[in-house]
PDB file of all heavy atoms in Angstrom:
ATOM      1  N   GLU A   1     -10.504   3.876  -3.166  1.00  0.00           N
ATOM      2  CA  GLU A   1     -10.037   2.524  -2.935  1.00  0.00           C
ATOM      3  C   GLU A   1      -9.382   2.019  -4.207  1.00  0.00           C
ATOM      4  O   GLU A   1      -9.922   2.150  -5.303  1.00  0.00           O
ATOM      5  CB  GLU A   1     -11.245   1.624  -2.575  1.00  0.00           C
ATOM      6  CG  GLU A   1     -10.849   0.240  -2.116  1.00  0.00           C
ATOM      7  CD  GLU A   1     -12.062  -0.577  -1.750  1.00  0.00           C
ATOM      8  OE1 GLU A   1     -13.188  -0.043  -1.746  1.00  0.00           O
ATOM      9  OE2 GLU A   1     -11.894  -1.791  -1.501  1.00  0.00           O
ATOM     10  N   VAL A   2      -8.156   1.468  -4.048  1.00  0.00           N
ATOM     11  CA  VAL A   2      -7.411   0.974  -5.201  1.00  0.00           C
ATOM     12  C   VAL A   2      -6.953  -0.461  -4.917  1.00  0.00           C
ATOM     13  O   VAL A   2      -6.921  -0.902  -3.776  1.00  0.00           O
ATOM     14  CB  VAL A   2      -6.183   1.866  -5.504  1.00  0.00           C
ATOM     15  CG1 VAL A   2      -6.608   3.294  -5.832  1.00  0.00           C
ATOM     16  CG2 VAL A   2      -5.214   1.885  -4.314  1.00  0.00           C
ATOM     17  N   MET A   3      -6.596  -1.169  -6.005  1.00  0.00           N
ATOM     18  CA  MET A   3      -6.130  -2.515  -5.866  1.00  0.00           C
ATOM     19  C   MET A   3      -4.757  -2.627  -6.548  1.00  0.00           C
ATOM     20  O   MET A   3      -4.495  -1.952  -7.537  1.00  0.00           O
ATOM     21  CB  MET A   3      -7.111  -3.481  -6.523  1.00  0.00           C
ATOM     22  CG  MET A   3      -6.766  -4.968  -6.290  1.00  0.00           C
ATOM     23  SD  MET A   3      -7.979  -6.074  -7.029  1.00  0.00           S
ATOM     24  CE  MET A   3      -7.577  -5.899  -8.763  1.00  0.00           C
ATOM     25  N   ILE A   4      -3.889  -3.470  -5.985  1.00  0.00           N
ATOM     26  CA  ILE A   4      -2.559  -3.664  -6.555  1.00  0.00           C
ATOM     27  C   ILE A   4      -2.624  -4.795  -7.602  1.00  0.00           C
ATOM     28  O   ILE A   4      -2.888  -5.934  -7.260  1.00  0.00           O
ATOM     29  CB  ILE A   4      -1.564  -4.016  -5.454  1.00  0.00           C
ATOM     30  CG1 ILE A   4      -1.483  -2.860  -4.441  1.00  0.00           C
ATOM     31  CG2 ILE A   4      -0.190  -4.321  -6.019  1.00  0.00           C
ATOM     32  CD1 ILE A   4      -0.547  -3.115  -3.289  1.00  0.00           C
ATOM     33  N   PRO A   5      -2.379  -4.454  -8.889  1.00  0.00           N
ATOM     34  CA  PRO A   5      -2.469  -5.485  -9.929  1.00  0.00           C
ATOM     35  C   PRO A   5      -1.189  -6.297 -10.012  1.00  0.00           C
ATOM     36  O   PRO A   5      -0.179  -5.988  -9.365  1.00  0.00           O
ATOM     37  CB  PRO A   5      -2.657  -4.641 -11.188  1.00  0.00           C
ATOM     38  CG  PRO A   5      -1.914  -3.375 -10.897  1.00  0.00           C
ATOM     39  CD  PRO A   5      -2.064  -3.125  -9.419  1.00  0.00           C
ATOM     40  N   ALA A   6      -1.217  -7.305 -10.862  1.00  0.00           N
ATOM     41  CA  ALA A   6      -0.053  -8.207 -10.994  1.00  0.00           C
ATOM     42  C   ALA A   6       1.168  -7.488 -11.557  1.00  0.00           C
ATOM     43  O   ALA A   6       2.301  -7.889 -11.274  1.00  0.00           O
ATOM     44  CB  ALA A   6      -0.417  -9.389 -11.889  1.00  0.00           C
ATOM     45  N   SER A   7       0.946  -6.414 -12.319  1.00  0.00           N
ATOM     46  CA  SER A   7       2.078  -5.704 -12.954  1.00  0.00           C
ATOM     47  C   SER A   7       2.670  -4.600 -12.094  1.00  0.00           C
ATOM     48  O   SER A   7       3.583  -3.920 -12.499  1.00  0.00           O
ATOM     49  CB  SER A   7       1.609  -5.103 -14.273  1.00  0.00           C
ATOM     50  OG  SER A   7       0.549  -4.190 -14.068  1.00  0.00           O
ATOM     51  N   SER A   8       2.125  -4.413 -10.891  1.00  0.00           N
ATOM     52  CA  SER A   8       2.543  -3.281 -10.063  1.00  0.00           C
ATOM     53  C   SER A   8       3.959  -3.465  -9.504  1.00  0.00           C
ATOM     54  O   SER A   8       4.331  -4.553  -9.066  1.00  0.00           O
ATOM     55  CB  SER A   8       1.566  -3.068  -8.907  1.00  0.00           C
ATOM     56  OG  SER A   8       2.021  -2.053  -8.048  1.00  0.00           O
ATOM     57  N   GLU A   9       4.720  -2.385  -9.510  1.00  0.00           N
ATOM     58  CA  GLU A   9       6.053  -2.394  -8.914  1.00  0.00           C
ATOM     59  C   GLU A   9       5.999  -2.410  -7.386  1.00  0.00           C
ATOM     60  O   GLU A   9       7.042  -2.590  -6.737  1.00  0.00           O
ATOM     61  CB  GLU A   9       6.856  -1.189  -9.374  1.00  0.00           C
ATOM     62  CG  GLU A   9       6.308   0.147  -8.872  1.00  0.00           C
ATOM     63  CD  GLU A   9       7.130   1.334  -9.331  1.00  0.00           C
ATOM     64  OE1 GLU A   9       7.143   1.609 -10.559  1.00  0.00           O
ATOM     65  OE2 GLU A   9       7.763   1.956  -8.499  1.00  0.00           O
ATOM     66  N   LEU A  10       4.816  -2.251  -6.821  1.00  0.00           N
ATOM     67  CA  LEU A  10       4.699  -2.212  -5.366  1.00  0.00           C
ATOM     68  C   LEU A  10       4.705  -3.611  -4.729  1.00  0.00           C
ATOM     69  O   LEU A  10       4.916  -3.722  -3.526  1.00  0.00           O
ATOM     70  CB  LEU A  10       3.407  -1.498  -4.957  1.00  0.00           C
ATOM     71  CG  LEU A  10       3.254  -0.039  -5.391  1.00  0.00           C
ATOM     72  CD1 LEU A  10       1.883   0.499  -5.012  1.00  0.00           C
ATOM     73  CD2 LEU A  10       4.345   0.823  -4.768  1.00  0.00           C
ATOM     74  N   ILE A  11       4.486  -4.624  -5.516  1.00  0.00           N
ATOM     75  CA  ILE A  11       4.423  -5.988  -4.971  1.00  0.00           C
ATOM     76  C   ILE A  11       5.739  -6.363  -4.331  1.00  0.00           C
ATOM     77  O   ILE A  11       6.804  -6.225  -4.930  1.00  0.00           O
ATOM     78  CB  ILE A  11       4.048  -6.993  -6.086  1.00  0.00           C
ATOM     79  CG1 ILE A  11       2.612  -6.717  -6.624  1.00  0.00           C
ATOM     80  CG2 ILE A  11       4.147  -8.434  -5.596  1.00  0.00           C
ATOM     81  CD1 ILE A  11       2.227  -7.596  -7.796  1.00  0.00           C
ATOM     82  N   GLY A  12       5.656  -6.825  -3.107  1.00  0.00           N
ATOM     83  CA  GLY A  12       6.856  -7.220  -2.383  1.00  0.00           C
ATOM     84  C   GLY A  12       7.523  -6.077  -1.625  1.00  0.00           C
ATOM     85  O   GLY A  12       8.454  -6.327  -0.847  1.00  0.00           O
ATOM     86  N   GLN A  13       7.087  -4.864  -1.854  1.00  0.00           N
ATOM     87  CA  GLN A  13       7.680  -3.711  -1.167  1.00  0.00           C
ATOM     88  C   GLN A  13       6.790  -3.264  -0.021  1.00  0.00           C
ATOM     89  O   GLN A  13       5.572  -3.491  -0.041  1.00  0.00           O
ATOM     90  CB  GLN A  13       7.879  -2.534  -2.133  1.00  0.00           C
ATOM     91  CG  GLN A  13       8.828  -2.815  -3.283  1.00  0.00           C
ATOM     92  CD  GLN A  13       9.102  -1.549  -4.088  1.00  0.00           C
ATOM     93  OE1 GLN A  13       9.143  -0.463  -3.544  1.00  0.00           O
ATOM     94  NE2 GLN A  13       9.302  -1.718  -5.380  1.00  0.00           N
ATOM     95  N   SER A  14       7.393  -2.635   0.939  1.00  0.00           N
ATOM     96  CA  SER A  14       6.633  -2.014   2.000  1.00  0.00           C
ATOM     97  C   SER A  14       6.299  -0.591   1.593  1.00  0.00           C
ATOM     98  O   SER A  14       6.918  -0.028   0.685  1.00  0.00           O
ATOM     99  CB  SER A  14       7.415  -2.009   3.316  1.00  0.00           C
ATOM    100  OG  SER A  14       8.571  -1.193   3.180  1.00  0.00           O
ATOM    101  N   LEU A  15       5.317   0.004   2.269  1.00  0.00           N
ATOM    102  CA  LEU A  15       4.987   1.402   1.970  1.00  0.00           C
ATOM    103  C   LEU A  15       6.175   2.305   2.267  1.00  0.00           C
ATOM    104  O   LEU A  15       6.441   3.255   1.546  1.00  0.00           O
ATOM    105  CB  LEU A  15       3.794   1.832   2.805  1.00  0.00           C
ATOM    106  CG  LEU A  15       2.438   1.234   2.427  1.00  0.00           C
ATOM    107  CD1 LEU A  15       1.384   1.611   3.449  1.00  0.00           C
ATOM    108  CD2 LEU A  15       2.029   1.665   1.031  1.00  0.00           C
ATOM    109  N   HIS A  16       6.935   1.970   3.310  1.00  0.00           N
ATOM    110  CA  HIS A  16       8.098   2.766   3.664  1.00  0.00           C
ATOM    111  C   HIS A  16       9.183   2.667   2.592  1.00  0.00           C
ATOM    112  O   HIS A  16       9.866   3.643   2.268  1.00  0.00           O
ATOM    113  CB  HIS A  16       8.662   2.297   5.014  1.00  0.00           C
ATOM    114  CG  HIS A  16       9.891   3.044   5.432  1.00  0.00           C
ATOM    115  ND1 HIS A  16       9.861   4.343   5.931  1.00  0.00           N
ATOM    116  CD2 HIS A  16      11.199   2.685   5.406  1.00  0.00           C
ATOM    117  CE1 HIS A  16      11.089   4.727   6.202  1.00  0.00           C
ATOM    118  NE2 HIS A  16      11.919   3.753   5.899  1.00  0.00           N
ATOM    119  N   GLY A  17       9.358   1.495   1.999  1.00  0.00           N
ATOM    120  CA  GLY A  17      10.410   1.292   1.019  1.00  0.00           C
ATOM    121  C   GLY A  17      10.019   1.647  -0.405  1.00  0.00           C
ATOM    122  O   GLY A  17      10.883   1.741  -1.275  1.00  0.00           O
ATOM    123  N   SER A  18       8.730   1.815  -0.667  1.00  0.00           N
ATOM    124  CA  SER A  18       8.289   2.132  -2.027  1.00  0.00           C
ATOM    125  C   SER A  18       8.290   3.619  -2.253  1.00  0.00           C
ATOM    126  O   SER A  18       8.479   4.406  -1.316  1.00  0.00           O
ATOM    127  CB  SER A  18       6.863   1.575  -2.264  1.00  0.00           C
ATOM    128  OG  SER A  18       5.922   2.374  -1.547  1.00  0.00           O
ATOM    129  N   ARG A  19       8.037   4.034  -3.520  1.00  0.00           N
ATOM    130  CA  ARG A  19       7.981   5.447  -3.839  1.00  0.00           C
ATOM    131  C   ARG A  19       6.541   5.973  -3.841  1.00  0.00           C
ATOM    132  O   ARG A  19       6.284   7.078  -4.268  1.00  0.00           O
ATOM    133  CB  ARG A  19       8.607   5.715  -5.201  1.00  0.00           C
ATOM    134  CG  ARG A  19       7.930   5.059  -6.373  1.00  0.00           C
ATOM    135  CD  ARG A  19       8.777   5.172  -7.616  1.00  0.00           C
ATOM    136  NE  ARG A  19       8.115   4.569  -8.774  1.00  0.00           N
ATOM    137  CZ  ARG A  19       7.600   5.266  -9.779  1.00  0.00           C
ATOM    138  NH1 ARG A  19       7.683   6.566  -9.773  1.00  0.00           N
ATOM    139  NH2 ARG A  19       7.025   4.656 -10.790  1.00  0.00           N
ATOM    140  N   LEU A  20       5.627   5.138  -3.320  1.00  0.00           N
ATOM    141  CA  LEU A  20       4.214   5.532  -3.361  1.00  0.00           C
ATOM    142  C   LEU A  20       3.994   6.825  -2.580  1.00  0.00           C
ATOM    143  O   LEU A  20       3.374   7.751  -3.081  1.00  0.00           O
ATOM    144  CB  LEU A  20       3.354   4.415  -2.777  1.00  0.00           C
ATOM    145  CG  LEU A  20       1.843   4.684  -2.719  1.00  0.00           C
ATOM    146  CD1 LEU A  20       1.270   4.812  -4.114  1.00  0.00           C
ATOM    147  CD2 LEU A  20       1.099   3.575  -1.961  1.00  0.00           C
ATOM    148  N   GLN A  21       4.498   6.876  -1.338  1.00  0.00           N
ATOM    149  CA  GLN A  21       4.235   8.056  -0.513  1.00  0.00           C
ATOM    150  C   GLN A  21       5.345   9.119  -0.653  1.00  0.00           C
ATOM    151  O   GLN A  21       5.156  10.269  -0.283  1.00  0.00           O
ATOM    152  CB  GLN A  21       4.132   7.636   0.953  1.00  0.00           C
ATOM    153  CG  GLN A  21       2.823   6.859   1.215  1.00  0.00           C
ATOM    154  CD  GLN A  21       2.707   6.428   2.679  1.00  0.00           C
ATOM    155  OE1 GLN A  21       3.595   5.747   3.191  1.00  0.00           O
ATOM    156  NE2 GLN A  21       1.642   6.850   3.330  1.00  0.00           N
ATOM    157  N   ARG A  22       6.497   8.761  -1.186  1.00  0.00           N
ATOM    158  CA  ARG A  22       7.564   9.762  -1.384  1.00  0.00           C
ATOM    159  C   ARG A  22       7.262  10.634  -2.597  1.00  0.00           C
ATOM    160  O   ARG A  22       7.441  11.850  -2.555  1.00  0.00           O
ATOM    161  CB  ARG A  22       8.910   9.073  -1.582  1.00  0.00           C
ATOM    162  CG  ARG A  22       9.433   8.345  -0.378  1.00  0.00           C
ATOM    163  CD  ARG A  22      10.935   8.107  -0.524  1.00  0.00           C
ATOM    164  NE  ARG A  22      11.326   7.545  -1.808  1.00  0.00           N
ATOM    165  CZ  ARG A  22      11.396   6.251  -2.054  1.00  0.00           C
ATOM    166  NH1 ARG A  22      11.082   5.397  -1.101  1.00  0.00           N
ATOM    167  NH2 ARG A  22      11.747   5.782  -3.245  1.00  0.00           N
ATOM    168  N   ARG A  23       6.821  10.009  -3.667  1.00  0.00           N
ATOM    169  CA  ARG A  23       6.688  10.729  -4.929  1.00  0.00           C
ATOM    170  C   ARG A  23       5.290  11.307  -5.096  1.00  0.00           C
ATOM    171  O   ARG A  23       5.102  12.292  -5.815  1.00  0.00           O
ATOM    172  CB  ARG A  23       7.014   9.794  -6.076  1.00  0.00           C
ATOM    173  CG  ARG A  23       7.042  10.473  -7.427  1.00  0.00           C
ATOM    174  CD  ARG A  23       7.652   9.554  -8.460  1.00  0.00           C
ATOM    175  NE  ARG A  23       7.616  10.149  -9.766  1.00  0.00           N
ATOM    176  CZ  ARG A  23       8.047   9.533 -10.862  1.00  0.00           C
ATOM    177  NH1 ARG A  23       8.589   8.339 -10.770  1.00  0.00           N
ATOM    178  NH2 ARG A  23       7.988  10.108 -12.032  1.00  0.00           N
ATOM    179  N   PHE A  24       4.299  10.736  -4.416  1.00  0.00           N
ATOM    180  CA  PHE A  24       2.920  11.191  -4.589  1.00  0.00           C
ATOM    181  C   PHE A  24       2.384  11.615  -3.228  1.00  0.00           C
ATOM    182  O   PHE A  24       2.764  11.097  -2.193  1.00  0.00           O
ATOM    183  CB  PHE A  24       2.056  10.075  -5.162  1.00  0.00           C
ATOM    184  CG  PHE A  24       2.532   9.584  -6.501  1.00  0.00           C
ATOM    185  CD1 PHE A  24       3.385   8.472  -6.576  1.00  0.00           C
ATOM    186  CD2 PHE A  24       2.162  10.208  -7.672  1.00  0.00           C
ATOM    187  CE1 PHE A  24       3.829   8.011  -7.795  1.00  0.00           C
ATOM    188  CE2 PHE A  24       2.611   9.758  -8.899  1.00  0.00           C
ATOM    189  CZ  PHE A  24       3.442   8.645  -8.962  1.00  0.00           C
ATOM    190  N   ASP A  25       1.468  12.557  -3.266  1.00  0.00           N
ATOM    191  CA  ASP A  25       0.838  13.054  -2.047  1.00  0.00           C
ATOM    192  C   ASP A  25      -0.275  12.079  -1.665  1.00  0.00           C
ATOM    193  O   ASP A  25      -1.441  12.327  -1.945  1.00  0.00           O
ATOM    194  CB  ASP A  25       0.308  14.466  -2.274  1.00  0.00           C
ATOM    195  CG  ASP A  25      -0.395  14.994  -1.063  1.00  0.00           C
ATOM    196  OD1 ASP A  25      -0.015  14.601   0.063  1.00  0.00           O
ATOM    197  OD2 ASP A  25      -1.317  15.800  -1.224  1.00  0.00           O
ATOM    198  N   VAL A  26       0.078  10.978  -1.035  1.00  0.00           N
ATOM    199  CA  VAL A  26      -0.851   9.875  -0.749  1.00  0.00           C
ATOM    200  C   VAL A  26      -0.739   9.471   0.714  1.00  0.00           C
ATOM    201  O   VAL A  26       0.372   9.358   1.251  1.00  0.00           O
ATOM    202  CB  VAL A  26      -0.546   8.660  -1.662  1.00  0.00           C
ATOM    203  CG1 VAL A  26      -1.314   7.446  -1.192  1.00  0.00           C
ATOM    204  CG2 VAL A  26      -0.909   8.982  -3.101  1.00  0.00           C
ATOM    205  N   ASP A  27      -1.865   9.283   1.360  1.00  0.00           N
ATOM    206  CA  ASP A  27      -1.906   8.667   2.683  1.00  0.00           C
ATOM    207  C   ASP A  27      -2.645   7.336   2.591  1.00  0.00           C
ATOM    208  O   ASP A  27      -3.767   7.290   2.057  1.00  0.00           O
ATOM    209  CB  ASP A  27      -2.605   9.569   3.694  1.00  0.00           C
ATOM    210  CG  ASP A  27      -1.758  10.751   4.108  1.00  0.00           C
ATOM    211  OD1 ASP A  27      -0.564  10.524   4.379  1.00  0.00           O
ATOM    212  OD2 ASP A  27      -2.273  11.874   4.178  1.00  0.00           O
ATOM    213  N   VAL A  28      -2.050   6.252   3.082  1.00  0.00           N
ATOM    214  CA  VAL A  28      -2.725   4.949   3.125  1.00  0.00           C
ATOM    215  C   VAL A  28      -3.413   4.808   4.476  1.00  0.00           C
ATOM    216  O   VAL A  28      -2.741   4.749   5.512  1.00  0.00           O
ATOM    217  CB  VAL A  28      -1.696   3.802   2.911  1.00  0.00           C
ATOM    218  CG1 VAL A  28      -2.415   2.453   2.927  1.00  0.00           C
ATOM    219  CG2 VAL A  28      -0.968   3.984   1.583  1.00  0.00           C
ATOM    220  N   LEU A  29      -4.734   4.769   4.469  1.00  0.00           N
ATOM    221  CA  LEU A  29      -5.513   4.727   5.696  1.00  0.00           C
ATOM    222  C   LEU A  29      -5.800   3.301   6.167  1.00  0.00           C
ATOM    223  O   LEU A  29      -5.860   3.055   7.365  1.00  0.00           O
ATOM    224  CB  LEU A  29      -6.845   5.458   5.490  1.00  0.00           C
ATOM    225  CG  LEU A  29      -6.743   6.870   4.922  1.00  0.00           C
ATOM    226  CD1 LEU A  29      -8.107   7.493   4.799  1.00  0.00           C
ATOM    227  CD2 LEU A  29      -5.852   7.726   5.800  1.00  0.00           C
ATOM    228  N   GLU A  30      -5.980   2.369   5.224  1.00  0.00           N
ATOM    229  CA  GLU A  30      -6.272   0.975   5.570  1.00  0.00           C
ATOM    230  C   GLU A  30      -5.773   0.064   4.464  1.00  0.00           C
ATOM    231  O   GLU A  30      -5.600   0.494   3.322  1.00  0.00           O
ATOM    232  CB  GLU A  30      -7.784   0.748   5.740  1.00  0.00           C
ATOM    233  CG  GLU A  30      -8.379   1.350   6.986  1.00  0.00           C
ATOM    234  CD  GLU A  30      -9.842   0.971   7.156  1.00  0.00           C
ATOM    235  OE1 GLU A  30     -10.369   0.266   6.278  1.00  0.00           O
ATOM    236  OE2 GLU A  30     -10.444   1.370   8.165  1.00  0.00           O
ATOM    237  N   LEU A  31      -5.539  -1.178   4.844  1.00  0.00           N
ATOM    238  CA  LEU A  31      -5.160  -2.212   3.873  1.00  0.00           C
ATOM    239  C   LEU A  31      -6.125  -3.387   4.053  1.00  0.00           C
ATOM    240  O   LEU A  31      -6.285  -3.892   5.182  1.00  0.00           O
ATOM    241  CB  LEU A  31      -3.708  -2.642   4.096  1.00  0.00           C
ATOM    242  CG  LEU A  31      -3.092  -3.629   3.084  1.00  0.00           C
ATOM    243  CD1 LEU A  31      -1.585  -3.408   3.001  1.00  0.00           C
ATOM    244  CD2 LEU A  31      -3.389  -5.072   3.475  1.00  0.00           C
ATOM    245  N   HIS A  32      -6.716  -3.864   2.971  1.00  0.00           N
ATOM    246  CA  HIS A  32      -7.631  -5.027   2.997  1.00  0.00           C
ATOM    247  C   HIS A  32      -6.985  -6.143   2.194  1.00  0.00           C
ATOM    248  O   HIS A  32      -6.600  -5.962   1.022  1.00  0.00           O
ATOM    249  CB  HIS A  32      -8.991  -4.662   2.378  1.00  0.00           C
ATOM    250  CG  HIS A  32      -9.751  -3.641   3.194  1.00  0.00           C
ATOM    251  ND1 HIS A  32     -10.720  -4.003   4.086  1.00  0.00           N
ATOM    252  CD2 HIS A  32      -9.658  -2.290   3.228  1.00  0.00           C
ATOM    253  CE1 HIS A  32     -11.212  -2.912   4.652  1.00  0.00           C
ATOM    254  NE2 HIS A  32     -10.576  -1.835   4.120  1.00  0.00           N
ATOM    255  N   ARG A  33      -6.850  -7.299   2.813  1.00  0.00           N
ATOM    256  CA  ARG A  33      -6.264  -8.477   2.162  1.00  0.00           C
ATOM    257  C   ARG A  33      -7.206  -9.641   2.405  1.00  0.00           C
ATOM    258  O   ARG A  33      -7.205 -10.226   3.488  1.00  0.00           O
ATOM    259  CB  ARG A  33      -4.870  -8.757   2.714  1.00  0.00           C
ATOM    260  CG  ARG A  33      -4.170  -9.949   2.087  1.00  0.00           C
ATOM    261  CD  ARG A  33      -2.736 -10.060   2.581  1.00  0.00           C
ATOM    262  NE  ARG A  33      -1.952  -8.892   2.175  1.00  0.00           N
ATOM    263  CZ  ARG A  33      -0.833  -8.521   2.795  1.00  0.00           C
ATOM    264  NH1 ARG A  33      -0.388  -9.168   3.840  1.00  0.00           N
ATOM    265  NH2 ARG A  33      -0.169  -7.448   2.340  1.00  0.00           N
ATOM    266  N   GLY A  34      -8.021  -9.932   1.389  1.00  0.00           N
ATOM    267  CA  GLY A  34      -9.044 -10.951   1.586  1.00  0.00           C
ATOM    268  C   GLY A  34      -9.993 -10.522   2.662  1.00  0.00           C
ATOM    269  O   GLY A  34     -10.480  -9.370   2.681  1.00  0.00           O
ATOM    270  N   PRO A  35     -10.253 -11.406   3.638  1.00  0.00           N
ATOM    271  CA  PRO A  35     -11.166 -11.009   4.738  1.00  0.00           C
ATOM    272  C   PRO A  35     -10.468 -10.172   5.826  1.00  0.00           C
ATOM    273  O   PRO A  35     -11.127  -9.676   6.722  1.00  0.00           O
ATOM    274  CB  PRO A  35     -11.594 -12.374   5.291  1.00  0.00           C
ATOM    275  CG  PRO A  35     -10.445 -13.286   5.008  1.00  0.00           C
ATOM    276  CD  PRO A  35      -9.870 -12.829   3.713  1.00  0.00           C
ATOM    277  N   GLU A  36      -9.148 -10.020   5.742  1.00  0.00           N
ATOM    278  CA  GLU A  36      -8.402  -9.318   6.793  1.00  0.00           C
ATOM    279  C   GLU A  36      -8.404  -7.813   6.517  1.00  0.00           C
ATOM    280  O   GLU A  36      -8.400  -7.366   5.389  1.00  0.00           O
ATOM    281  CB  GLU A  36      -6.960  -9.816   6.845  1.00  0.00           C
ATOM    282  CG  GLU A  36      -6.804 -11.275   7.255  1.00  0.00           C
ATOM    283  CD  GLU A  36      -5.358 -11.665   7.332  1.00  0.00           C
ATOM    284  OE1 GLU A  36      -4.763 -11.976   6.257  1.00  0.00           O
ATOM    285  OE2 GLU A  36      -4.788 -11.686   8.456  1.00  0.00           O
ATOM    286  N   ARG A  37      -8.378  -7.068   7.620  1.00  0.00           N
ATOM    287  CA  ARG A  37      -8.366  -5.609   7.541  1.00  0.00           C
ATOM    288  C   ARG A  37      -7.252  -5.109   8.450  1.00  0.00           C
ATOM    289  O   ARG A  37      -7.228  -5.405   9.658  1.00  0.00           O
ATOM    290  CB  ARG A  37      -9.702  -5.043   8.001  1.00  0.00           C
ATOM    291  CG  ARG A  37      -9.772  -3.535   8.119  1.00  0.00           C
ATOM    292  CD  ARG A  37     -11.217  -3.114   8.424  1.00  0.00           C
ATOM    293  NE  ARG A  37     -11.300  -1.715   8.800  1.00  0.00           N
ATOM    294  CZ  ARG A  37     -11.288  -1.256  10.052  1.00  0.00           C
ATOM    295  NH1 ARG A  37     -11.208  -2.139  11.041  1.00  0.00           N
ATOM    296  NH2 ARG A  37     -11.391   0.008  10.309  1.00  0.00           N
ATOM    297  N   PHE A  38      -6.295  -4.318   7.879  1.00  0.00           N
ATOM    298  CA  PHE A  38      -5.178  -3.798   8.642  1.00  0.00           C
ATOM    299  C   PHE A  38      -5.268  -2.270   8.710  1.00  0.00           C
ATOM    300  O   PHE A  38      -5.581  -1.627   7.706  1.00  0.00           O
ATOM    301  CB  PHE A  38      -3.836  -4.199   7.985  1.00  0.00           C
ATOM    302  CG  PHE A  38      -3.664  -5.682   7.801  1.00  0.00           C
ATOM    303  CD1 PHE A  38      -3.965  -6.304   6.606  1.00  0.00           C
ATOM    304  CD2 PHE A  38      -3.196  -6.449   8.855  1.00  0.00           C
ATOM    305  CE1 PHE A  38      -3.796  -7.648   6.432  1.00  0.00           C
ATOM    306  CE2 PHE A  38      -3.014  -7.809   8.701  1.00  0.00           C
ATOM    307  CZ  PHE A  38      -3.322  -8.436   7.492  1.00  0.00           C
ATOM    308  N   THR A  39      -4.983  -1.751   9.882  1.00  0.00           N
ATOM    309  CA  THR A  39      -4.996  -0.304  10.068  1.00  0.00           C
ATOM    310  C   THR A  39      -3.591   0.168  10.428  1.00  0.00           C
ATOM    311  O   THR A  39      -2.728  -0.660  10.736  1.00  0.00           O
ATOM    312  CB  THR A  39      -5.959   0.081  11.199  1.00  0.00           C
ATOM    313  OG1 THR A  39      -5.605  -0.601  12.394  1.00  0.00           O
ATOM    314  CG2 THR A  39      -7.408  -0.268  10.820  1.00  0.00           C
ATOM    315  N   PRO A  40      -3.322   1.467  10.362  1.00  0.00           N
ATOM    316  CA  PRO A  40      -1.977   1.960  10.667  1.00  0.00           C
ATOM    317  C   PRO A  40      -1.545   1.553  12.073  1.00  0.00           C
ATOM    318  O   PRO A  40      -2.376   1.387  12.968  1.00  0.00           O
ATOM    319  CB  PRO A  40      -2.157   3.500  10.576  1.00  0.00           C
ATOM    320  CG  PRO A  40      -3.288   3.670   9.628  1.00  0.00           C
ATOM    321  CD  PRO A  40      -4.226   2.531   9.910  1.00  0.00           C
ATOM    322  N   PRO A  41      -0.212   1.337  12.228  1.00  0.00           N
ATOM    323  CA  PRO A  41       0.873   1.620  11.277  1.00  0.00           C
ATOM    324  C   PRO A  41       1.043   0.546  10.218  1.00  0.00           C
ATOM    325  O   PRO A  41       0.977  -0.647  10.547  1.00  0.00           O
ATOM    326  CB  PRO A  41       2.110   1.686  12.162  1.00  0.00           C
ATOM    327  CG  PRO A  41       1.756   0.818  13.351  1.00  0.00           C
ATOM    328  CD  PRO A  41       0.307   0.943  13.548  1.00  0.00           C
ATOM    329  N   LEU A  42       1.216   0.987   8.986  1.00  0.00           N
ATOM    330  CA  LEU A  42       1.312   0.056   7.851  1.00  0.00           C
ATOM    331  C   LEU A  42       2.632   0.171   7.118  1.00  0.00           C
ATOM    332  O   LEU A  42       2.848  -0.504   6.114  1.00  0.00           O
ATOM    333  CB  LEU A  42       0.174   0.339   6.847  1.00  0.00           C
ATOM    334  CG  LEU A  42      -1.271   0.218   7.392  1.00  0.00           C
ATOM    335  CD1 LEU A  42      -2.236   0.775   6.371  1.00  0.00           C
ATOM    336  CD2 LEU A  42      -1.595  -1.238   7.658  1.00  0.00           C
ATOM    337  N   ALA A  43       3.527   1.057   7.601  1.00  0.00           N
ATOM    338  CA  ALA A  43       4.734   1.412   6.810  1.00  0.00           C
ATOM    339  C   ALA A  43       5.619   0.203   6.473  1.00  0.00           C
ATOM    340  O   ALA A  43       6.206   0.149   5.393  1.00  0.00           O
ATOM    341  CB  ALA A  43       5.549   2.470   7.563  1.00  0.00           C
TER     342      ALA A  43
END
């Protein structure tokens, strides 16, 4: 489980538009935002 900090280049980008999954072998299984929980599709 990881958190997006204030200095992250991912802020404002979608998973599809970022280099998170292109450059790294990473699968995003869930997204938690406060009390909300989002499941795929998250791209």
